[in-house]
Amino acid sequence: TNSVESALTMLAHGRVELFASNVRNTEP
């Protein structure tokens, strides 16, 4: 996917089990 926002949404809605990212970009 193209953004942290969309990846986190996919994770939260159960479309994936894991999101690979960096802590700095994801925590905010």
PDB file of all heavy atoms in Angstrom:
ATOM      1  N   THR A   1       0.849  -1.185   0.000  1.00  0.00           N
ATOM      2  CA  THR A   1       0.000   0.000   0.000  1.00  0.00           C
ATOM      3  C   THR A   1       0.887   1.237   0.000  1.00  0.00           C
ATOM      4  O   THR A   1       2.108   1.133   0.130  1.00  0.00           O
ATOM      5  CB  THR A   1      -0.963  -0.009   1.199  1.00  0.00           C
ATOM      6  OG1 THR A   1      -1.942   1.019   1.030  1.00  0.00           O
ATOM      7  CG2 THR A   1      -0.218   0.205   2.514  1.00  0.00           C
ATOM      8  N   ASN A   2       0.268   2.401  -0.130  1.00  0.00           N
ATOM      9  CA  ASN A   2       1.053   3.620  -0.361  1.00  0.00           C
ATOM     10  C   ASN A   2       1.230   4.504   0.852  1.00  0.00           C
ATOM     11  O   ASN A   2       1.928   5.519   0.761  1.00  0.00           O
ATOM     12  CB  ASN A   2       0.417   4.443  -1.489  1.00  0.00           C
ATOM     13  CG  ASN A   2       0.595   3.789  -2.841  1.00  0.00           C
ATOM     14  OD1 ASN A   2       1.651   3.253  -3.149  1.00  0.00           O
ATOM     15  ND2 ASN A   2      -0.452   3.818  -3.654  1.00  0.00           N
ATOM     16  N   SER A   3       0.632   4.167   1.979  1.00  0.00           N
ATOM     17  CA  SER A   3       0.760   5.048   3.133  1.00  0.00           C
ATOM     18  C   SER A   3       0.655   4.271   4.433  1.00  0.00           C
ATOM     19  O   SER A   3       0.049   3.183   4.480  1.00  0.00           O
ATOM     20  CB  SER A   3      -0.311   6.148   3.112  1.00  0.00           C
ATOM     21  OG  SER A   3      -1.591   5.600   3.377  1.00  0.00           O
ATOM     22  N   VAL A   4       1.226   4.840   5.485  1.00  0.00           N
ATOM     23  CA  VAL A   4       1.107   4.249   6.814  1.00  0.00           C
ATOM     24  C   VAL A   4      -0.349   4.212   7.242  1.00  0.00           C
ATOM     25  O   VAL A   4      -0.811   3.242   7.863  1.00  0.00           O
ATOM     26  CB  VAL A   4       1.972   5.042   7.819  1.00  0.00           C
ATOM     27  CG1 VAL A   4       1.712   4.583   9.248  1.00  0.00           C
ATOM     28  CG2 VAL A   4       3.455   4.902   7.482  1.00  0.00           C
ATOM     29  N   GLU A   5      -1.102   5.264   6.917  1.00  0.00           N
ATOM     30  CA  GLU A   5      -2.511   5.321   7.301  1.00  0.00           C
ATOM     31  C   GLU A   5      -3.296   4.150   6.715  1.00  0.00           C
ATOM     32  O   GLU A   5      -4.068   3.493   7.418  1.00  0.00           O
ATOM     33  CB  GLU A   5      -3.129   6.646   6.836  1.00  0.00           C
ATOM     34  CG  GLU A   5      -2.637   7.868   7.579  1.00  0.00           C
ATOM     35  CD  GLU A   5      -1.338   8.424   7.028  1.00  0.00           C
ATOM     36  OE1 GLU A   5      -0.718   7.790   6.148  1.00  0.00           O
ATOM     37  OE2 GLU A   5      -0.917   9.507   7.483  1.00  0.00           O
ATOM     38  N   SER A   6      -3.092   3.892   5.425  1.00  0.00           N
ATOM     39  CA  SER A   6      -3.851   2.799   4.809  1.00  0.00           C
ATOM     40  C   SER A   6      -3.404   1.447   5.345  1.00  0.00           C
ATOM     41  O   SER A   6      -4.230   0.536   5.532  1.00  0.00           O
ATOM     42  CB  SER A   6      -3.714   2.854   3.285  1.00  0.00           C
ATOM     43  OG  SER A   6      -2.376   2.658   2.876  1.00  0.00           O
ATOM     44  N   ALA A   7      -2.101   1.294   5.626  1.00  0.00           N
ATOM     45  CA  ALA A   7      -1.601   0.023   6.166  1.00  0.00           C
ATOM     46  C   ALA A   7      -2.169  -0.240   7.559  1.00  0.00           C
ATOM     47  O   ALA A   7      -2.587  -1.365   7.874  1.00  0.00           O
ATOM     48  CB  ALA A   7      -0.079   0.039   6.208  1.00  0.00           C
ATOM     49  N   LEU A   8      -2.183   0.787   8.406  1.00  0.00           N
ATOM     50  CA  LEU A   8      -2.744   0.618   9.752  1.00  0.00           C
ATOM     51  C   LEU A   8      -4.237   0.308   9.690  1.00  0.00           C
ATOM     52  O   LEU A   8      -4.747  -0.482  10.498  1.00  0.00           O
ATOM     53  CB  LEU A   8      -2.495   1.874  10.580  1.00  0.00           C
ATOM     54  CG  LEU A   8      -1.086   2.046  11.132  1.00  0.00           C
ATOM     55  CD1 LEU A   8      -0.919   3.433  11.757  1.00  0.00           C
ATOM     56  CD2 LEU A   8      -0.758   0.971  12.168  1.00  0.00           C
ATOM     57  N   THR A   9      -4.938   0.916   8.743  1.00  0.00           N
ATOM     58  CA  THR A   9      -6.366   0.639   8.587  1.00  0.00           C
ATOM     59  C   THR A   9      -6.586  -0.813   8.171  1.00  0.00           C
ATOM     60  O   THR A   9      -7.486  -1.494   8.686  1.00  0.00           O
ATOM     61  CB  THR A   9      -6.983   1.591   7.552  1.00  0.00           C
ATOM     62  OG1 THR A   9      -6.817   2.945   8.004  1.00  0.00           O
ATOM     63  CG2 THR A   9      -8.465   1.308   7.360  1.00  0.00           C
ATOM     64  N   MET A  10      -5.756  -1.294   7.246  1.00  0.00           N
ATOM     65  CA  MET A  10      -5.846  -2.699   6.831  1.00  0.00           C
ATOM     66  C   MET A  10      -5.603  -3.625   8.020  1.00  0.00           C
ATOM     67  O   MET A  10      -6.302  -4.628   8.195  1.00  0.00           O
ATOM     68  CB  MET A  10      -4.830  -2.980   5.724  1.00  0.00           C
ATOM     69  CG  MET A  10      -5.138  -2.304   4.404  1.00  0.00           C
ATOM     70  SD  MET A  10      -3.792  -2.492   3.197  1.00  0.00           S
ATOM     71  CE  MET A  10      -3.855  -4.267   2.882  1.00  0.00           C
ATOM     72  N   LEU A  11      -4.611  -3.288   8.828  1.00  0.00           N
ATOM     73  CA  LEU A  11      -4.305  -4.101  10.001  1.00  0.00           C
ATOM     74  C   LEU A  11      -5.460  -4.083  10.997  1.00  0.00           C
ATOM     75  O   LEU A  11      -5.896  -5.133  11.488  1.00  0.00           O
ATOM     76  CB  LEU A  11      -3.019  -3.590  10.650  1.00  0.00           C
ATOM     77  CG  LEU A  11      -2.572  -4.295  11.934  1.00  0.00           C
ATOM     78  CD1 LEU A  11      -2.242  -5.759  11.663  1.00  0.00           C
ATOM     79  CD2 LEU A  11      -1.364  -3.566  12.546  1.00  0.00           C
ATOM     80  N   ALA A  12      -5.956  -2.895  11.302  1.00  0.00           N
ATOM     81  CA  ALA A  12      -7.020  -2.766  12.303  1.00  0.00           C
ATOM     82  C   ALA A  12      -8.288  -3.489  11.884  1.00  0.00           C
ATOM     83  O   ALA A  12      -9.018  -4.025  12.731  1.00  0.00           O
ATOM     84  CB  ALA A  12      -7.312  -1.286  12.554  1.00  0.00           C
ATOM     85  N   HIS A  13      -8.567  -3.522  10.569  1.00  0.00           N
ATOM     86  CA  HIS A  13      -9.792  -4.152  10.073  1.00  0.00           C
ATOM     87  C   HIS A  13      -9.612  -5.641   9.782  1.00  0.00           C
ATOM     88  O   HIS A  13     -10.542  -6.281   9.275  1.00  0.00           O
ATOM     89  CB  HIS A  13     -10.276  -3.436   8.817  1.00  0.00           C
ATOM     90  CG  HIS A  13     -10.791  -2.060   9.084  1.00  0.00           C
ATOM     91  ND1 HIS A  13     -11.141  -1.174   8.085  1.00  0.00           N
ATOM     92  CD2 HIS A  13     -11.011  -1.401  10.259  1.00  0.00           C
ATOM     93  CE1 HIS A  13     -11.561  -0.038   8.625  1.00  0.00           C
ATOM     94  NE2 HIS A  13     -11.493  -0.151   9.951  1.00  0.00           N
ATOM     95  N   GLY A  14      -8.433  -6.176  10.081  1.00  0.00           N
ATOM     96  CA  GLY A  14      -8.220  -7.602   9.938  1.00  0.00           C
ATOM     97  C   GLY A  14      -7.936  -8.071   8.526  1.00  0.00           C
ATOM     98  O   GLY A  14      -7.956  -9.279   8.260  1.00  0.00           O
ATOM     99  N   ARG A  15      -7.652  -7.154   7.625  1.00  0.00           N
ATOM    100  CA  ARG A  15      -7.328  -7.564   6.255  1.00  0.00           C
ATOM    101  C   ARG A  15      -5.924  -8.145   6.169  1.00  0.00           C
ATOM    102  O   ARG A  15      -5.598  -8.871   5.226  1.00  0.00           O
ATOM    103  CB  ARG A  15      -7.488  -6.379   5.308  1.00  0.00           C
ATOM    104  CG  ARG A  15      -8.929  -5.913   5.152  1.00  0.00           C
ATOM    105  CD  ARG A  15      -9.020  -4.590   4.419  1.00  0.00           C
ATOM    106  NE  ARG A  15      -8.380  -4.644   3.116  1.00  0.00           N
ATOM    107  CZ  ARG A  15      -8.145  -3.550   2.369  1.00  0.00           C
ATOM    108  NH1 ARG A  15      -8.484  -2.356   2.829  1.00  0.00           N
ATOM    109  NH2 ARG A  15      -7.563  -3.674   1.200  1.00  0.00           N
ATOM    110  N   VAL A  16      -5.062  -7.804   7.129  1.00  0.00           N
ATOM    111  CA  VAL A  16      -3.727  -8.403   7.252  1.00  0.00           C
ATOM    112  C   VAL A  16      -3.489  -8.683   8.730  1.00  0.00           C
ATOM    113  O   VAL A  16      -4.168  -8.128   9.603  1.00  0.00           O
ATOM    114  CB  VAL A  16      -2.614  -7.475   6.693  1.00  0.00           C
ATOM    115  CG1 VAL A  16      -2.765  -7.268   5.191  1.00  0.00           C
ATOM    116  CG2 VAL A  16      -2.594  -6.140   7.436  1.00  0.00           C
ATOM    117  N   GLU A  17      -2.510  -9.547   8.996  1.00  0.00           N
ATOM    118  CA  GLU A  17      -2.146  -9.832  10.382  1.00  0.00           C
ATOM    119  C   GLU A  17      -0.978  -8.995  10.867  1.00  0.00           C
ATOM    120  O   GLU A  17      -0.844  -8.743  12.073  1.00  0.00           O
ATOM    121  CB  GLU A  17      -1.779 -11.308  10.556  1.00  0.00           C
ATOM    122  CG  GLU A  17      -2.957 -12.243  10.654  1.00  0.00           C
ATOM    123  CD  GLU A  17      -3.382 -12.762   9.289  1.00  0.00           C
ATOM    124  OE1 GLU A  17      -2.523 -12.884   8.404  1.00  0.00           O
ATOM    125  OE2 GLU A  17      -4.570 -13.039   9.126  1.00  0.00           O
ATOM    126  N   LEU A  18      -0.126  -8.558   9.929  1.00  0.00           N
ATOM    127  CA  LEU A  18       1.076  -7.826  10.310  1.00  0.00           C
ATOM    128  C   LEU A  18       1.317  -6.673   9.343  1.00  0.00           C
ATOM    129  O   LEU A  18       1.039  -6.770   8.144  1.00  0.00           O
ATOM    130  CB  LEU A  18       2.306  -8.748  10.289  1.00  0.00           C
ATOM    131  CG  LEU A  18       2.332  -9.919  11.274  1.00  0.00           C
ATOM    132  CD1 LEU A  18       3.508 -10.832  10.967  1.00  0.00           C
ATOM    133  CD2 LEU A  18       2.383  -9.418  12.709  1.00  0.00           C
ATOM    134  N   PHE A  19       1.843  -5.593   9.890  1.00  0.00           N
ATOM    135  CA  PHE A  19       2.254  -4.421   9.118  1.00  0.00           C
ATOM    136  C   PHE A  19       3.727  -4.175   9.395  1.00  0.00           C
ATOM    137  O   PHE A  19       4.115  -3.967  10.538  1.00  0.00           O
ATOM    138  CB  PHE A  19       1.405  -3.212   9.509  1.00  0.00           C
ATOM    139  CG  PHE A  19       1.917  -1.886   9.004  1.00  0.00           C
ATOM    140  CD1 PHE A  19       2.525  -1.754   7.765  1.00  0.00           C
ATOM    141  CD2 PHE A  19       1.772  -0.733   9.784  1.00  0.00           C
ATOM    142  CE1 PHE A  19       2.998  -0.529   7.303  1.00  0.00           C
ATOM    143  CE2 PHE A  19       2.229   0.496   9.336  1.00  0.00           C
ATOM    144  CZ  PHE A  19       2.842   0.603   8.095  1.00  0.00           C
ATOM    145  N   ALA A  20       4.561  -4.229   8.351  1.00  0.00           N
ATOM    146  CA  ALA A  20       5.993  -3.976   8.494  1.00  0.00           C
ATOM    147  C   ALA A  20       6.257  -2.499   8.253  1.00  0.00           C
ATOM    148  O   ALA A  20       5.959  -1.970   7.181  1.00  0.00           O
ATOM    149  CB  ALA A  20       6.788  -4.828   7.509  1.00  0.00           C
ATOM    150  N   SER A  21       6.830  -1.834   9.258  1.00  0.00           N
ATOM    151  CA  SER A  21       7.030  -0.393   9.173  1.00  0.00           C
ATOM    152  C   SER A  21       8.149   0.014  10.107  1.00  0.00           C
ATOM    153  O   SER A  21       8.764  -0.825  10.772  1.00  0.00           O
ATOM    154  CB  SER A  21       5.737   0.341   9.549  1.00  0.00           C
ATOM    155  OG  SER A  21       5.842   1.735   9.342  1.00  0.00           O
ATOM    156  N   ASN A  22       8.423   1.318  10.147  1.00  0.00           N
ATOM    157  CA  ASN A  22       9.352   1.814  11.154  1.00  0.00           C
ATOM    158  C   ASN A  22       8.577   2.521  12.262  1.00  0.00           C
ATOM    159  O   ASN A  22       7.491   3.055  12.045  1.00  0.00           O
ATOM    160  CB  ASN A  22      10.439   2.710  10.544  1.00  0.00           C
ATOM    161  CG  ASN A  22       9.908   4.014   9.997  1.00  0.00           C
ATOM    162  OD1 ASN A  22       9.374   4.829  10.715  1.00  0.00           O
ATOM    163  ND2 ASN A  22      10.062   4.219   8.688  1.00  0.00           N
ATOM    164  N   VAL A  23       9.146   2.489  13.436  1.00  0.00           N
ATOM    165  CA  VAL A  23       8.478   3.026  14.619  1.00  0.00           C
ATOM    166  C   VAL A  23       8.239   4.527  14.478  1.00  0.00           C
ATOM    167  O   VAL A  23       7.157   5.034  14.806  1.00  0.00           O
ATOM    168  CB  VAL A  23       9.305   2.712  15.879  1.00  0.00           C
ATOM    169  CG1 VAL A  23       8.686   3.375  17.111  1.00  0.00           C
ATOM    170  CG2 VAL A  23       9.422   1.198  16.089  1.00  0.00           C
ATOM    171  N   ARG A  24       9.235   5.253  13.971  1.00  0.00           N
ATOM    172  CA  ARG A  24       9.147   6.711  13.911  1.00  0.00           C
ATOM    173  C   ARG A  24       7.979   7.186  13.057  1.00  0.00           C
ATOM    174  O   ARG A  24       7.250   8.115  13.425  1.00  0.00           O
ATOM    175  CB  ARG A  24      10.463   7.278  13.360  1.00  0.00           C
ATOM    176  CG  ARG A  24      10.453   8.790  13.134  1.00  0.00           C
ATOM    177  CD  ARG A  24      11.718   9.250  12.417  1.00  0.00           C
ATOM    178  NE  ARG A  24      11.995   8.427  11.249  1.00  0.00           N
ATOM    179  CZ  ARG A  24      11.362   8.568  10.076  1.00  0.00           C
ATOM    180  NH1 ARG A  24      10.437   9.496   9.914  1.00  0.00           N
ATOM    181  NH2 ARG A  24      11.667   7.780   9.065  1.00  0.00           N
ATOM    182  N   ASN A  25       7.779   6.570  11.892  1.00  0.00           N
ATOM    183  CA  ASN A  25       6.697   6.990  11.012  1.00  0.00           C
ATOM    184  C   ASN A  25       5.326   6.503  11.477  1.00  0.00           C
ATOM    185  O   ASN A  25       4.312   7.104  11.130  1.00  0.00           O
ATOM    186  CB  ASN A  25       6.943   6.461   9.587  1.00  0.00           C
ATOM    187  CG  ASN A  25       7.630   7.476   8.702  1.00  0.00           C
ATOM    188  OD1 ASN A  25       7.287   8.650   8.707  1.00  0.00           O
ATOM    189  ND2 ASN A  25       8.614   7.036   7.949  1.00  0.00           N
ATOM    190  N   THR A  26       5.306   5.421  12.231  1.00  0.00           N
ATOM    191  CA  THR A  26       4.028   4.787  12.565  1.00  0.00           C
ATOM    192  C   THR A  26       3.416   5.321  13.850  1.00  0.00           C
ATOM    193  O   THR A  26       2.193   5.555  13.913  1.00  0.00           O
ATOM    194  CB  THR A  26       4.218   3.258  12.661  1.00  0.00           C
ATOM    195  OG1 THR A  26       4.829   2.788  11.447  1.00  0.00           O
ATOM    196  CG2 THR A  26       2.896   2.557  12.855  1.00  0.00           C
ATOM    197  N   GLU A  27       4.217   5.517  14.873  1.00  0.00           N
ATOM    198  CA  GLU A  27       3.673   5.921  16.172  1.00  0.00           C
ATOM    199  C   GLU A  27       2.828   7.196  16.104  1.00  0.00           C
ATOM    200  O   GLU A  27       1.783   7.258  16.761  1.00  0.00           O
ATOM    201  CB  GLU A  27       4.799   6.062  17.183  1.00  0.00           C
ATOM    202  CG  GLU A  27       5.323   4.716  17.693  1.00  0.00           C
ATOM    203  CD  GLU A  27       6.347   4.859  18.795  1.00  0.00           C
ATOM    204  OE1 GLU A  27       6.933   5.956  18.921  1.00  0.00           O
ATOM    205  OE2 GLU A  27       6.562   3.872  19.539  1.00  0.00           O
ATOM    206  N   PRO A  28       3.226   8.242  15.339  1.00  0.00           N
ATOM    207  CA  PRO A  28       2.377   9.448  15.320  1.00  0.00           C
ATOM    208  C   PRO A  28       1.027   9.243  14.655  1.00  0.00           C
ATOM    209  O   PRO A  28       0.090  10.008  14.910  1.00  0.00           O
ATOM    210  CB  PRO A  28       3.233  10.460  14.534  1.00  0.00           C
ATOM    211  CG  PRO A  28       4.623   9.939  14.566  1.00  0.00           C
ATOM    212  CD  PRO A  28       4.485   8.458  14.600  1.00  0.00           C
TER     213      PRO A  28
END
